[in-house]
Amino acid sequence: MKSTVLTKLEKQLSNLTASQKLVADLILKKPTDAAFMTLDQMAGAAGTSTTTIIRLSCSLGFKGFADFQRSLQELLRNRVAPTVRLDVNLKDLDHDR
């Protein structure tokens, strides 16, 4: 099974610094918000520095925050897509009656 960004984060929790754990907690609790926050917004919401977030991203194997965020956005896009398609299909069925 391919490891997702959230799975990677969960597996690394015990190895993170206290500041990185604050960021990880924010991301795991609110992944949709985190996927679209700027670096500064995320640092403010987590109560950490932007450097902490960049270091966390790199420690998870990403090139930086932008690479990490793209991966998180892609994960969310793939999770939402089937649900959205189902809703559209069900609406189309109602119109056919």
PDB file of N, CA and C in Angstrom:
ATOM      1  N   MET A   1       0.847  -1.191   0.000  1.00  0.00           N
ATOM      2  CA  MET A   1       0.000   0.000   0.000  1.00  0.00           C
ATOM      3  C   MET A   1       0.884   1.244   0.000  1.00  0.00           C
ATOM      4  N   LYS A   2       0.541   2.181  -0.834  1.00  0.00           N
ATOM      5  CA  LYS A   2       1.321   3.406  -0.939  1.00  0.00           C
ATOM      6  C   LYS A   2       1.095   4.276   0.297  1.00  0.00           C
ATOM      7  N   SER A   3       2.183   4.753   0.850  1.00  0.00           N
ATOM      8  CA  SER A   3       2.105   5.575   2.046  1.00  0.00           C
ATOM      9  C   SER A   3       1.660   6.986   1.687  1.00  0.00           C
ATOM     10  N   THR A   4       0.654   7.478   2.387  1.00  0.00           N
ATOM     11  CA  THR A   4       0.179   8.832   2.153  1.00  0.00           C
ATOM     12  C   THR A   4       0.922   9.802   3.051  1.00  0.00           C
ATOM     13  N   VAL A   5       0.787  11.051   2.771  1.00  0.00           N
ATOM     14  CA  VAL A   5       1.430  12.091   3.564  1.00  0.00           C
ATOM     15  C   VAL A   5       0.968  12.020   5.021  1.00  0.00           C
ATOM     16  N   LEU A   6      -0.296  11.745   5.251  1.00  0.00           N
ATOM     17  CA  LEU A   6      -0.801  11.657   6.625  1.00  0.00           C
ATOM     18  C   LEU A   6      -0.271  10.411   7.332  1.00  0.00           C
ATOM     19  N   THR A   7      -0.140   9.314   6.601  1.00  0.00           N
ATOM     20  CA  THR A   7       0.422   8.092   7.170  1.00  0.00           C
ATOM     21  C   THR A   7       1.877   8.317   7.550  1.00  0.00           C
ATOM     22  N   LYS A   8       2.619   8.973   6.673  1.00  0.00           N
ATOM     23  CA  LYS A   8       4.024   9.290   6.969  1.00  0.00           C
ATOM     24  C   LYS A   8       4.117  10.126   8.234  1.00  0.00           C
ATOM     25  N   LEU A   9       3.249  11.096   8.340  1.00  0.00           N
ATOM     26  CA  LEU A   9       3.249  11.991   9.497  1.00  0.00           C
ATOM     27  C   LEU A   9       2.941  11.219  10.780  1.00  0.00           C
ATOM     28  N   GLU A  10       1.939  10.370  10.729  1.00  0.00           N
ATOM     29  CA  GLU A  10       1.572   9.573  11.904  1.00  0.00           C
ATOM     30  C   GLU A  10       2.710   8.652  12.339  1.00  0.00           C
ATOM     31  N   LYS A  11       3.401   8.051  11.369  1.00  0.00           N
ATOM     32  CA  LYS A  11       4.507   7.134  11.681  1.00  0.00           C
ATOM     33  C   LYS A  11       5.697   7.856  12.310  1.00  0.00           C
ATOM     34  N   GLN A  12       5.868   9.122  11.985  1.00  0.00           N
ATOM     35  CA  GLN A  12       7.022   9.886  12.476  1.00  0.00           C
ATOM     36  C   GLN A  12       6.749  10.654  13.767  1.00  0.00           C
ATOM     37  N   LEU A  13       5.538  10.606  14.286  1.00  0.00           N
ATOM     38  CA  LEU A  13       5.173  11.411  15.457  1.00  0.00           C
ATOM     39  C   LEU A  13       6.147  11.263  16.618  1.00  0.00           C
ATOM     40  N   SER A  14       6.552  10.055  16.911  1.00  0.00           N
ATOM     41  CA  SER A  14       7.433   9.836  18.070  1.00  0.00           C
ATOM     42  C   SER A  14       8.834  10.408  17.856  1.00  0.00           C
ATOM     43  N   ASN A  15       9.204  10.676  16.621  1.00  0.00           N
ATOM     44  CA  ASN A  15      10.533  11.205  16.304  1.00  0.00           C
ATOM     45  C   ASN A  15      10.562  12.723  16.168  1.00  0.00           C
ATOM     46  N   LEU A  16       9.417  13.374  16.295  1.00  0.00           N
ATOM     47  CA  LEU A  16       9.332  14.815  16.066  1.00  0.00           C
ATOM     48  C   LEU A  16       9.675  15.611  17.317  1.00  0.00           C
ATOM     49  N   THR A  17      10.129  16.838  17.092  1.00  0.00           N
ATOM     50  CA  THR A  17      10.361  17.758  18.200  1.00  0.00           C
ATOM     51  C   THR A  17       9.008  18.238  18.720  1.00  0.00           C
ATOM     52  N   ALA A  18       9.014  18.874  19.862  1.00  0.00           N
ATOM     53  CA  ALA A  18       7.767  19.382  20.444  1.00  0.00           C
ATOM     54  C   ALA A  18       7.079  20.357  19.489  1.00  0.00           C
ATOM     55  N   SER A  19       7.848  21.234  18.868  1.00  0.00           N
ATOM     56  CA  SER A  19       7.269  22.211  17.926  1.00  0.00           C
ATOM     57  C   SER A  19       6.709  21.514  16.691  1.00  0.00           C
ATOM     58  N   GLN A  20       7.423  20.526  16.198  1.00  0.00           N
ATOM     59  CA  GLN A  20       6.946  19.787  15.032  1.00  0.00           C
ATOM     60  C   GLN A  20       5.673  19.013  15.361  1.00  0.00           C
ATOM     61  N   LYS A  21       5.558  18.535  16.593  1.00  0.00           N
ATOM     62  CA  LYS A  21       4.347  17.828  16.997  1.00  0.00           C
ATOM     63  C   LYS A  21       3.137  18.764  17.002  1.00  0.00           C
ATOM     64  N   LEU A  22       3.346  20.028  17.326  1.00  0.00           N
ATOM     65  CA  LEU A  22       2.250  21.003  17.265  1.00  0.00           C
ATOM     66  C   LEU A  22       1.745  21.141  15.832  1.00  0.00           C
ATOM     67  N   VAL A  23       2.673  21.200  14.897  1.00  0.00           N
ATOM     68  CA  VAL A  23       2.320  21.303  13.476  1.00  0.00           C
ATOM     69  C   VAL A  23       1.622  20.022  13.020  1.00  0.00           C
ATOM     70  N   ALA A  24       2.189  18.884  13.395  1.00  0.00           N
ATOM     71  CA  ALA A  24       1.612  17.594  13.012  1.00  0.00           C
ATOM     72  C   ALA A  24       0.193  17.461  13.545  1.00  0.00           C
ATOM     73  N   ASP A  25      -0.029  17.885  14.767  1.00  0.00           N
ATOM     74  CA  ASP A  25      -1.353  17.822  15.371  1.00  0.00           C
ATOM     75  C   ASP A  25      -2.354  18.655  14.571  1.00  0.00           C
ATOM     76  N   LEU A  26      -1.945  19.849  14.186  1.00  0.00           N
ATOM     77  CA  LEU A  26      -2.801  20.716  13.370  1.00  0.00           C
ATOM     78  C   LEU A  26      -3.138  20.038  12.041  1.00  0.00           C
ATOM     79  N   ILE A  27      -2.136  19.482  11.390  1.00  0.00           N
ATOM     80  CA  ILE A  27      -2.332  18.855  10.079  1.00  0.00           C
ATOM     81  C   ILE A  27      -3.236  17.630  10.190  1.00  0.00           C
ATOM     82  N   LEU A  28      -3.012  16.810  11.206  1.00  0.00           N
ATOM     83  CA  LEU A  28      -3.807  15.592  11.354  1.00  0.00           C
ATOM     84  C   LEU A  28      -5.248  15.883  11.755  1.00  0.00           C
ATOM     85  N   LYS A  29      -5.462  16.932  12.541  1.00  0.00           N
ATOM     86  CA  LYS A  29      -6.817  17.281  12.966  1.00  0.00           C
ATOM     87  C   LYS A  29      -7.595  18.042  11.899  1.00  0.00           C
ATOM     88  N   LYS A  30      -6.883  18.861  11.122  1.00  0.00           N
ATOM     89  CA  LYS A  30      -7.547  19.702  10.114  1.00  0.00           C
ATOM     90  C   LYS A  30      -6.787  19.637   8.783  1.00  0.00           C
ATOM     91  N   PRO A  31      -6.729  18.455   8.158  1.00  0.00           N
ATOM     92  CA  PRO A  31      -5.941  18.329   6.926  1.00  0.00           C
ATOM     93  C   PRO A  31      -6.436  19.218   5.787  1.00  0.00           C
ATOM     94  N   THR A  32      -7.742  19.431   5.705  1.00  0.00           N
ATOM     95  CA  THR A  32      -8.269  20.273   4.628  1.00  0.00           C
ATOM     96  C   THR A  32      -7.824  21.715   4.804  1.00  0.00           C
ATOM     97  N   ASP A  33      -7.877  22.211   6.020  1.00  0.00           N
ATOM     98  CA  ASP A  33      -7.400  23.570   6.288  1.00  0.00           C
ATOM     99  C   ASP A  33      -5.905  23.670   6.002  1.00  0.00           C
ATOM    100  N   ALA A  34      -5.140  22.710   6.513  1.00  0.00           N
ATOM    101  CA  ALA A  34      -3.687  22.729   6.357  1.00  0.00           C
ATOM    102  C   ALA A  34      -3.266  22.669   4.891  1.00  0.00           C
ATOM    103  N   ALA A  35      -4.036  21.980   4.086  1.00  0.00           N
ATOM    104  CA  ALA A  35      -3.690  21.824   2.671  1.00  0.00           C
ATOM    105  C   ALA A  35      -3.711  23.144   1.914  1.00  0.00           C
ATOM    106  N   PHE A  36      -4.423  24.128   2.442  1.00  0.00           N
ATOM    107  CA  PHE A  36      -4.561  25.390   1.721  1.00  0.00           C
ATOM    108  C   PHE A  36      -4.084  26.608   2.494  1.00  0.00           C
ATOM    109  N   MET A  37      -3.465  26.384   3.642  1.00  0.00           N
ATOM    110  CA  MET A  37      -2.888  27.498   4.404  1.00  0.00           C
ATOM    111  C   MET A  37      -1.545  27.888   3.810  1.00  0.00           C
ATOM    112  N   THR A  38      -1.216  29.152   3.929  1.00  0.00           N
ATOM    113  CA  THR A  38       0.136  29.566   3.576  1.00  0.00           C
ATOM    114  C   THR A  38       1.069  29.101   4.689  1.00  0.00           C
ATOM    115  N   LEU A  39       2.330  29.159   4.429  1.00  0.00           N
ATOM    116  CA  LEU A  39       3.327  28.779   5.428  1.00  0.00           C
ATOM    117  C   LEU A  39       3.173  29.640   6.685  1.00  0.00           C
ATOM    118  N   ASP A  40       2.999  30.936   6.497  1.00  0.00           N
ATOM    119  CA  ASP A  40       2.822  31.844   7.631  1.00  0.00           C
ATOM    120  C   ASP A  40       1.535  31.556   8.402  1.00  0.00           C
ATOM    121  N   GLN A  41       0.457  31.264   7.687  1.00  0.00           N
ATOM    122  CA  GLN A  41      -0.810  30.953   8.344  1.00  0.00           C
ATOM    123  C   GLN A  41      -0.692  29.684   9.190  1.00  0.00           C
ATOM    124  N   MET A  42      -0.047  28.668   8.640  1.00  0.00           N
ATOM    125  CA  MET A  42       0.115  27.421   9.369  1.00  0.00           C
ATOM    126  C   MET A  42       0.982  27.617  10.608  1.00  0.00           C
ATOM    127  N   ALA A  43       2.057  28.383  10.462  1.00  0.00           N
ATOM    128  CA  ALA A  43       2.929  28.651  11.605  1.00  0.00           C
ATOM    129  C   ALA A  43       2.153  29.374  12.703  1.00  0.00           C
ATOM    130  N   GLY A  44       1.347  30.349  12.329  1.00  0.00           N
ATOM    131  CA  GLY A  44       0.545  31.076  13.301  1.00  0.00           C
ATOM    132  C   GLY A  44      -0.486  30.186  13.977  1.00  0.00           C
ATOM    133  N   ALA A  45      -1.150  29.343  13.200  1.00  0.00           N
ATOM    134  CA  ALA A  45      -2.175  28.454  13.748  1.00  0.00           C
ATOM    135  C   ALA A  45      -1.582  27.401  14.687  1.00  0.00           C
ATOM    136  N   ALA A  46      -0.372  26.952  14.379  1.00  0.00           N
ATOM    137  CA  ALA A  46       0.280  25.928  15.202  1.00  0.00           C
ATOM    138  C   ALA A  46       1.087  26.530  16.346  1.00  0.00           C
ATOM    139  N   GLY A  47       1.349  27.834  16.265  1.00  0.00           N
ATOM    140  CA  GLY A  47       2.149  28.485  17.295  1.00  0.00           C
ATOM    141  C   GLY A  47       3.629  28.156  17.185  1.00  0.00           C
ATOM    142  N   THR A  48       4.088  27.979  15.942  1.00  0.00           N
ATOM    143  CA  THR A  48       5.495  27.646  15.701  1.00  0.00           C
ATOM    144  C   THR A  48       6.067  28.588  14.650  1.00  0.00           C
ATOM    145  N   SER A  49       7.305  28.339  14.285  1.00  0.00           N
ATOM    146  CA  SER A  49       7.949  29.147  13.248  1.00  0.00           C
ATOM    147  C   SER A  49       7.778  28.492  11.875  1.00  0.00           C
ATOM    148  N   THR A  50       7.966  29.287  10.856  1.00  0.00           N
ATOM    149  CA  THR A  50       7.916  28.745   9.499  1.00  0.00           C
ATOM    150  C   THR A  50       9.050  27.744   9.282  1.00  0.00           C
ATOM    151  N   THR A  51      10.179  27.995   9.910  1.00  0.00           N
ATOM    152  CA  THR A  51      11.323  27.091   9.794  1.00  0.00           C
ATOM    153  C   THR A  51      10.982  25.701  10.318  1.00  0.00           C
ATOM    154  N   THR A  52      10.231  25.644  11.398  1.00  0.00           N
ATOM    155  CA  THR A  52       9.813  24.352  11.965  1.00  0.00           C
ATOM    156  C   THR A  52       8.999  23.561  10.952  1.00  0.00           C
ATOM    157  N   ILE A  53       8.114  24.244  10.247  1.00  0.00           N
ATOM    158  CA  ILE A  53       7.259  23.569   9.268  1.00  0.00           C
ATOM    159  C   ILE A  53       8.089  23.089   8.082  1.00  0.00           C
ATOM    160  N   ILE A  54       9.023  23.889   7.648  1.00  0.00           N
ATOM    161  CA  ILE A  54       9.891  23.482   6.546  1.00  0.00           C
ATOM    162  C   ILE A  54      10.729  22.274   6.955  1.00  0.00           C
ATOM    163  N   ARG A  55      11.282  22.297   8.155  1.00  0.00           N
ATOM    164  CA  ARG A  55      12.076  21.157   8.646  1.00  0.00           C
ATOM    165  C   ARG A  55      11.217  19.901   8.765  1.00  0.00           C
ATOM    166  N   LEU A  56       9.989  20.057   9.231  1.00  0.00           N
ATOM    167  CA  LEU A  56       9.080  18.920   9.323  1.00  0.00           C
ATOM    168  C   LEU A  56       8.823  18.341   7.933  1.00  0.00           C
ATOM    169  N   SER A  57       8.551  19.200   6.983  1.00  0.00           N
ATOM    170  CA  SER A  57       8.303  18.751   5.606  1.00  0.00           C
ATOM    171  C   SER A  57       9.488  17.957   5.071  1.00  0.00           C
ATOM    172  N   CYS A  58      10.678  18.467   5.291  1.00  0.00           N
ATOM    173  CA  CYS A  58      11.889  17.795   4.812  1.00  0.00           C
ATOM    174  C   CYS A  58      12.120  16.474   5.545  1.00  0.00           C
ATOM    175  N   SER A  59      11.825  16.440   6.843  1.00  0.00           N
ATOM    176  CA  SER A  59      12.026  15.207   7.612  1.00  0.00           C
ATOM    177  C   SER A  59      11.079  14.102   7.159  1.00  0.00           C
ATOM    178  N   LEU A  60       9.980  14.479   6.522  1.00  0.00           N
ATOM    179  CA  LEU A  60       9.031  13.502   5.996  1.00  0.00           C
ATOM    180  C   LEU A  60       9.390  13.058   4.579  1.00  0.00           C
ATOM    181  N   GLY A  61      10.491  13.591   4.049  1.00  0.00           N
ATOM    182  CA  GLY A  61      10.960  13.184   2.728  1.00  0.00           C
ATOM    183  C   GLY A  61      10.544  14.088   1.591  1.00  0.00           C
ATOM    184  N   PHE A  62       9.995  15.244   1.903  1.00  0.00           N
ATOM    185  CA  PHE A  62       9.596  16.189   0.865  1.00  0.00           C
ATOM    186  C   PHE A  62      10.707  17.198   0.632  1.00  0.00           C
ATOM    187  N   LYS A  63      10.702  17.831  -0.537  1.00  0.00           N
ATOM    188  CA  LYS A  63      11.729  18.816  -0.880  1.00  0.00           C
ATOM    189  C   LYS A  63      11.569  20.095  -0.071  1.00  0.00           C
ATOM    190  N   GLY A  64      10.386  20.335   0.425  1.00  0.00           N
ATOM    191  CA  GLY A  64      10.090  21.532   1.197  1.00  0.00           C
ATOM    192  C   GLY A  64       8.604  21.603   1.462  1.00  0.00           C
ATOM    193  N   PHE A  65       8.169  22.744   1.985  1.00  0.00           N
ATOM    194  CA  PHE A  65       6.760  22.915   2.338  1.00  0.00           C
ATOM    195  C   PHE A  65       5.847  22.815   1.121  1.00  0.00           C
ATOM    196  N   ALA A  66       6.223  23.427   0.020  1.00  0.00           N
ATOM    197  CA  ALA A  66       5.372  23.410  -1.176  1.00  0.00           C
ATOM    198  C   ALA A  66       5.151  21.983  -1.670  1.00  0.00           C
ATOM    199  N   ASP A  67       6.197  21.181  -1.654  1.00  0.00           N
ATOM    200  CA  ASP A  67       6.104  19.783  -2.072  1.00  0.00           C
ATOM    201  C   ASP A  67       5.194  19.003  -1.121  1.00  0.00           C
ATOM    202  N   PHE A  68       5.361  19.233   0.174  1.00  0.00           N
ATOM    203  CA  PHE A  68       4.508  18.604   1.184  1.00  0.00           C
ATOM    204  C   PHE A  68       3.046  18.989   0.970  1.00  0.00           C
ATOM    205  N   GLN A  69       2.804  20.280   0.779  1.00  0.00           N
ATOM    206  CA  GLN A  69       1.434  20.775   0.628  1.00  0.00           C
ATOM    207  C   GLN A  69       0.774  20.231  -0.636  1.00  0.00           C
ATOM    208  N   ARG A  70       1.531  20.127  -1.721  1.00  0.00           N
ATOM    209  CA  ARG A  70       0.973  19.549  -2.963  1.00  0.00           C
ATOM    210  C   ARG A  70       0.545  18.103  -2.726  1.00  0.00           C
ATOM    211  N   SER A  71       1.353  17.371  -1.987  1.00  0.00           N
ATOM    212  CA  SER A  71       1.030  15.982  -1.687  1.00  0.00           C
ATOM    213  C   SER A  71      -0.238  15.884  -0.836  1.00  0.00           C
ATOM    214  N   LEU A  72      -0.371  16.760   0.131  1.00  0.00           N
ATOM    215  CA  LEU A  72      -1.567  16.796   0.972  1.00  0.00           C
ATOM    216  C   LEU A  72      -2.794  17.176   0.154  1.00  0.00           C
ATOM    217  N   GLN A  73      -2.666  18.147  -0.723  1.00  0.00           N
ATOM    218  CA  GLN A  73      -3.778  18.557  -1.582  1.00  0.00           C
ATOM    219  C   GLN A  73      -4.199  17.424  -2.511  1.00  0.00           C
ATOM    220  N   GLU A  74      -3.237  16.705  -3.057  1.00  0.00           N
ATOM    221  CA  GLU A  74      -3.533  15.586  -3.952  1.00  0.00           C
ATOM    222  C   GLU A  74      -4.267  14.476  -3.202  1.00  0.00           C
ATOM    223  N   LEU A  75      -3.831  14.193  -1.987  1.00  0.00           N
ATOM    224  CA  LEU A  75      -4.501  13.190  -1.160  1.00  0.00           C
ATOM    225  C   LEU A  75      -5.957  13.581  -0.935  1.00  0.00           C
ATOM    226  N   LEU A  76      -6.199  14.811  -0.578  1.00  0.00           N
ATOM    227  CA  LEU A  76      -7.563  15.282  -0.326  1.00  0.00           C
ATOM    228  C   LEU A  76      -8.405  15.279  -1.599  1.00  0.00           C
ATOM    229  N   ARG A  77      -7.789  15.653  -2.705  1.00  0.00           N
ATOM    230  CA  ARG A  77      -8.497  15.654  -3.982  1.00  0.00           C
ATOM    231  C   ARG A  77      -8.958  14.233  -4.323  1.00  0.00           C
ATOM    232  N   ASN A  78      -8.100  13.255  -4.087  1.00  0.00           N
ATOM    233  CA  ASN A  78      -8.447  11.867  -4.388  1.00  0.00           C
ATOM    234  C   ASN A  78      -9.501  11.319  -3.435  1.00  0.00           C
ATOM    235  N   ARG A  79      -9.511  11.785  -2.207  1.00  0.00           N
ATOM    236  CA  ARG A  79     -10.515  11.337  -1.239  1.00  0.00           C
ATOM    237  C   ARG A  79     -11.885  11.922  -1.553  1.00  0.00           C
ATOM    238  N   VAL A  80     -11.919  13.154  -1.992  1.00  0.00           N
ATOM    239  CA  VAL A  80     -13.182  13.843  -2.239  1.00  0.00           C
ATOM    240  C   VAL A  80     -13.781  13.451  -3.586  1.00  0.00           C
ATOM    241  N   ALA A  81     -12.965  13.211  -4.553  1.00  0.00           N
ATOM    242  CA  ALA A  81     -13.440  12.985  -5.912  1.00  0.00           C
ATOM    243  C   ALA A  81     -14.520  11.908  -6.015  1.00  0.00           C
ATOM    244  N   PRO A  82     -14.370  10.722  -5.429  1.00  0.00           N
ATOM    245  CA  PRO A  82     -15.427   9.717  -5.573  1.00  0.00           C
ATOM    246  C   PRO A  82     -16.765  10.166  -4.979  1.00  0.00           C
ATOM    247  N   THR A  83     -16.728  10.856  -3.872  1.00  0.00           N
ATOM    248  CA  THR A  83     -17.949  11.336  -3.235  1.00  0.00           C
ATOM    249  C   THR A  83     -18.650  12.363  -4.109  1.00  0.00           C
ATOM    250  N   VAL A  84     -17.876  13.269  -4.653  1.00  0.00           N
ATOM    251  CA  VAL A  84     -18.453  14.297  -5.523  1.00  0.00           C
ATOM    252  C   VAL A  84     -19.066  13.648  -6.755  1.00  0.00           C
ATOM    253  N   ARG A  85     -18.366  12.685  -7.330  1.00  0.00           N
ATOM    254  CA  ARG A  85     -18.905  11.995  -8.508  1.00  0.00           C
ATOM    255  C   ARG A  85     -20.201  11.274  -8.179  1.00  0.00           C
ATOM    256  N   LEU A  86     -20.277  10.650  -7.011  1.00  0.00           N
ATOM    257  CA  LEU A  86     -21.490   9.951  -6.609  1.00  0.00           C
ATOM    258  C   LEU A  86     -22.653  10.925  -6.472  1.00  0.00           C
ATOM    259  N   ASP A  87     -22.402  12.058  -5.836  1.00  0.00           N
ATOM    260  CA  ASP A  87     -23.456  13.067  -5.683  1.00  0.00           C
ATOM    261  C   ASP A  87     -23.978  13.542  -7.032  1.00  0.00           C
ATOM    262  N   VAL A  88     -23.082  13.788  -7.957  1.00  0.00           N
ATOM    263  CA  VAL A  88     -23.481  14.249  -9.291  1.00  0.00           C
ATOM    264  C   VAL A  88     -24.302  13.177  -9.986  1.00  0.00           C
ATOM    265  N   ASN A  89     -23.863  11.933  -9.880  1.00  0.00           N
ATOM    266  CA  ASN A  89     -24.591  10.838 -10.523  1.00  0.00           C
ATOM    267  C   ASN A  89     -25.978  10.651  -9.922  1.00  0.00           C
ATOM    268  N   LEU A  90     -26.088  10.786  -8.607  1.00  0.00           N
ATOM    269  CA  LEU A  90     -27.393  10.635  -7.962  1.00  0.00           C
ATOM    270  C   LEU A  90     -28.331  11.770  -8.372  1.00  0.00           C
ATOM    271  N   LYS A  91     -27.824  12.967  -8.521  1.00  0.00           N
ATOM    272  CA  LYS A  91     -28.651  14.096  -8.968  1.00  0.00           C
ATOM    273  C   LYS A  91     -29.140  13.858 -10.408  1.00  0.00           C
ATOM    274  N   ASP A  92     -28.246  13.305 -11.240  1.00  0.00           N
ATOM    275  CA  ASP A  92     -28.630  13.002 -12.614  1.00  0.00           C
ATOM    276  C   ASP A  92     -29.737  11.954 -12.662  1.00  0.00           C
ATOM    277  N   LEU A  93     -29.689  10.981 -11.766  1.00  0.00           N
ATOM    278  CA  LEU A  93     -30.735   9.960 -11.714  1.00  0.00           C
ATOM    279  C   LEU A  93     -32.076  10.572 -11.352  1.00  0.00           C
ATOM    280  N   ASP A  94     -32.069  11.500 -10.421  1.00  0.00           N
ATOM    281  CA  ASP A  94     -33.313  12.173 -10.028  1.00  0.00           C
ATOM    282  C   ASP A  94     -33.918  12.954 -11.185  1.00  0.00           C
ATOM    283  N   HIS A  95     -33.073  13.548 -12.012  1.00  0.00           N
ATOM    284  CA  HIS A  95     -33.567  14.331 -13.140  1.00  0.00           C
ATOM    285  C   HIS A  95     -34.144  13.452 -14.236  1.00  0.00           C
ATOM    286  N   ASP A  96     -33.681  12.207 -14.321  1.00  0.00           N
ATOM    287  CA  ASP A  96     -34.145  11.273 -15.364  1.00  0.00           C
ATOM    288  C   ASP A  96     -35.542  10.741 -15.080  1.00  0.00           C
ATOM    289  N   ARG A  97     -36.022  10.882 -13.869  1.00  0.00           N
ATOM    290  CA  ARG A  97     -37.353  10.319 -13.522  1.00  0.00           C
ATOM    291  C   ARG A  97     -38.471  11.145 -14.031  1.00  0.00           C
TER     292      ARG A  97
END
